[in-house]
Amino acid sequence: MVASVLELSQRSFWEEWHQVRCPTLVVLAEAGIFSSEQAREMTRSRPGTVMTNVPGAGHDVHLENPEMVRAAITDFLGAL
């Protein structure tokens, strides 16, 4: 577990991100593990990427505000 967390904190995943070819929803938690600038770059750098913000939520955004996450996913899928 520690090795996995260490890798996540030190490794860049942009190469893998740019290989994704399907529409993607980025859910940005206000107090999450990546910054709003990183989320905006994810959205700018790949066509078909949509970002939604969940204010007041942290890393466990799906547990902290499940209604907002469900609504964001429903809207995203409905727009496809």
C-alpha atoms as a PDB file:
ATOM      1  CA  MET A   1       0.000   0.000   0.000  1.00  0.00           C
ATOM      2  CA  VAL A   2       2.755   2.434   0.912  1.00  0.00           C
ATOM      3  CA  ALA A   3       4.552   1.706  -2.372  1.00  0.00           C
ATOM      4  CA  SER A   4       1.357   2.445  -4.321  1.00  0.00           C
ATOM      5  CA  VAL A   5       0.810   5.757  -2.563  1.00  0.00           C
ATOM      6  CA  LEU A   6       4.458   6.669  -3.054  1.00  0.00           C
ATOM      7  CA  GLU A   7       4.211   5.948  -6.795  1.00  0.00           C
ATOM      8  CA  LEU A   8       1.075   8.078  -7.083  1.00  0.00           C
ATOM      9  CA  SER A   9       2.822  11.002  -5.422  1.00  0.00           C
ATOM     10  CA  GLN A  10       5.973  10.827  -7.547  1.00  0.00           C
ATOM     11  CA  ARG A  11       4.970   9.565 -10.986  1.00  0.00           C
ATOM     12  CA  SER A  12       3.404  11.527 -13.805  1.00  0.00           C
ATOM     13  CA  PHE A  13       0.455   9.868 -15.503  1.00  0.00           C
ATOM     14  CA  TRP A  14       0.035  12.374 -18.355  1.00  0.00           C
ATOM     15  CA  GLU A  15       1.237   9.885 -20.984  1.00  0.00           C
ATOM     16  CA  GLU A  16      -1.504   7.453 -19.980  1.00  0.00           C
ATOM     17  CA  TRP A  17      -4.048  10.281 -19.801  1.00  0.00           C
ATOM     18  CA  HIS A  18      -3.357  11.285 -23.403  1.00  0.00           C
ATOM     19  CA  GLN A  19      -3.936   7.689 -24.545  1.00  0.00           C
ATOM     20  CA  VAL A  20      -7.547   7.647 -23.294  1.00  0.00           C
ATOM     21  CA  ARG A  21      -9.906   7.835 -26.282  1.00  0.00           C
ATOM     22  CA  CYS A  22     -13.377   7.799 -24.732  1.00  0.00           C
ATOM     23  CA  PRO A  23     -15.412  10.679 -23.305  1.00  0.00           C
ATOM     24  CA  THR A  24     -14.319  11.268 -19.717  1.00  0.00           C
ATOM     25  CA  LEU A  25     -15.789  12.996 -16.683  1.00  0.00           C
ATOM     26  CA  VAL A  26     -13.307  14.600 -14.287  1.00  0.00           C
ATOM     27  CA  VAL A  27     -14.854  15.089 -10.840  1.00  0.00           C
ATOM     28  CA  LEU A  28     -12.911  17.741  -8.946  1.00  0.00           C
ATOM     29  CA  ALA A  29     -13.326  17.784  -5.189  1.00  0.00           C
ATOM     30  CA  GLU A  30     -12.574  21.124  -3.583  1.00  0.00           C
ATOM     31  CA  ALA A  31     -10.135  19.510  -1.126  1.00  0.00           C
ATOM     32  CA  GLY A  32      -9.127  16.543  -3.287  1.00  0.00           C
ATOM     33  CA  ILE A  33      -5.716  15.137  -4.129  1.00  0.00           C
ATOM     34  CA  PHE A  34      -5.156  17.146  -7.307  1.00  0.00           C
ATOM     35  CA  SER A  35      -5.463  20.828  -7.979  1.00  0.00           C
ATOM     36  CA  SER A  36      -8.045  22.689  -9.999  1.00  0.00           C
ATOM     37  CA  GLU A  37      -5.225  23.657 -12.393  1.00  0.00           C
ATOM     38  CA  GLN A  38      -4.431  19.964 -12.981  1.00  0.00           C
ATOM     39  CA  ALA A  39      -8.115  19.251 -13.609  1.00  0.00           C
ATOM     40  CA  ARG A  40      -8.366  22.169 -16.038  1.00  0.00           C
ATOM     41  CA  GLU A  41      -5.277  20.883 -17.869  1.00  0.00           C
ATOM     42  CA  MET A  42      -6.883  17.426 -18.092  1.00  0.00           C
ATOM     43  CA  THR A  43      -9.960  19.043 -19.638  1.00  0.00           C
ATOM     44  CA  ARG A  44      -7.983  21.266 -22.038  1.00  0.00           C
ATOM     45  CA  SER A  45      -5.584  18.572 -23.191  1.00  0.00           C
ATOM     46  CA  ARG A  46      -8.096  15.920 -24.239  1.00  0.00           C
ATOM     47  CA  PRO A  47     -11.189  16.391 -26.392  1.00  0.00           C
ATOM     48  CA  GLY A  48     -14.309  14.833 -24.925  1.00  0.00           C
ATOM     49  CA  THR A  49     -13.342  15.609 -21.329  1.00  0.00           C
ATOM     50  CA  VAL A  50     -15.847  17.324 -19.073  1.00  0.00           C
ATOM     51  CA  MET A  51     -15.075  18.640 -15.586  1.00  0.00           C
ATOM     52  CA  THR A  52     -17.435  19.133 -12.675  1.00  0.00           C
ATOM     53  CA  ASN A  53     -16.635  20.692  -9.306  1.00  0.00           C
ATOM     54  CA  VAL A  54     -17.910  19.406  -5.967  1.00  0.00           C
ATOM     55  CA  PRO A  55     -17.520  22.168  -3.382  1.00  0.00           C
ATOM     56  CA  GLY A  56     -16.717  21.209   0.190  1.00  0.00           C
ATOM     57  CA  ALA A  57     -15.722  17.645  -0.694  1.00  0.00           C
ATOM     58  CA  GLY A  58     -12.398  15.891  -0.249  1.00  0.00           C
ATOM     59  CA  HIS A  59     -10.758  12.804  -1.695  1.00  0.00           C
ATOM     60  CA  ASP A  60     -13.794  10.621  -0.889  1.00  0.00           C
ATOM     61  CA  VAL A  61     -16.110  12.882  -2.870  1.00  0.00           C
ATOM     62  CA  HIS A  62     -18.365   9.948  -3.804  1.00  0.00           C
ATOM     63  CA  LEU A  63     -18.978   9.299  -0.090  1.00  0.00           C
ATOM     64  CA  GLU A  64     -19.124  12.928   1.026  1.00  0.00           C
ATOM     65  CA  ASN A  65     -21.570  14.145  -1.608  1.00  0.00           C
ATOM     66  CA  PRO A  66     -23.012  11.133  -3.442  1.00  0.00           C
ATOM     67  CA  GLU A  67     -26.040  13.057  -4.702  1.00  0.00           C
ATOM     68  CA  MET A  68     -23.907  15.619  -6.514  1.00  0.00           C
ATOM     69  CA  VAL A  69     -21.627  12.934  -7.956  1.00  0.00           C
ATOM     70  CA  ARG A  70     -24.632  10.919  -9.151  1.00  0.00           C
ATOM     71  CA  ALA A  71     -26.156  14.004 -10.768  1.00  0.00           C
ATOM     72  CA  ALA A  72     -22.855  14.841 -12.493  1.00  0.00           C
ATOM     73  CA  ILE A  73     -22.523  11.294 -13.843  1.00  0.00           C
ATOM     74  CA  THR A  74     -26.170  11.217 -14.949  1.00  0.00           C
ATOM     75  CA  ASP A  75     -25.801  14.546 -16.776  1.00  0.00           C
ATOM     76  CA  PHE A  76     -22.510  13.480 -18.363  1.00  0.00           C
ATOM     77  CA  LEU A  77     -23.912  10.180 -19.631  1.00  0.00           C
ATOM     78  CA  GLY A  78     -27.127  11.844 -20.782  1.00  0.00           C
ATOM     79  CA  ALA A  79     -25.125  14.239 -22.960  1.00  0.00           C
ATOM     80  CA  LEU A  80     -23.272  11.454 -24.799  1.00  0.00           C
END
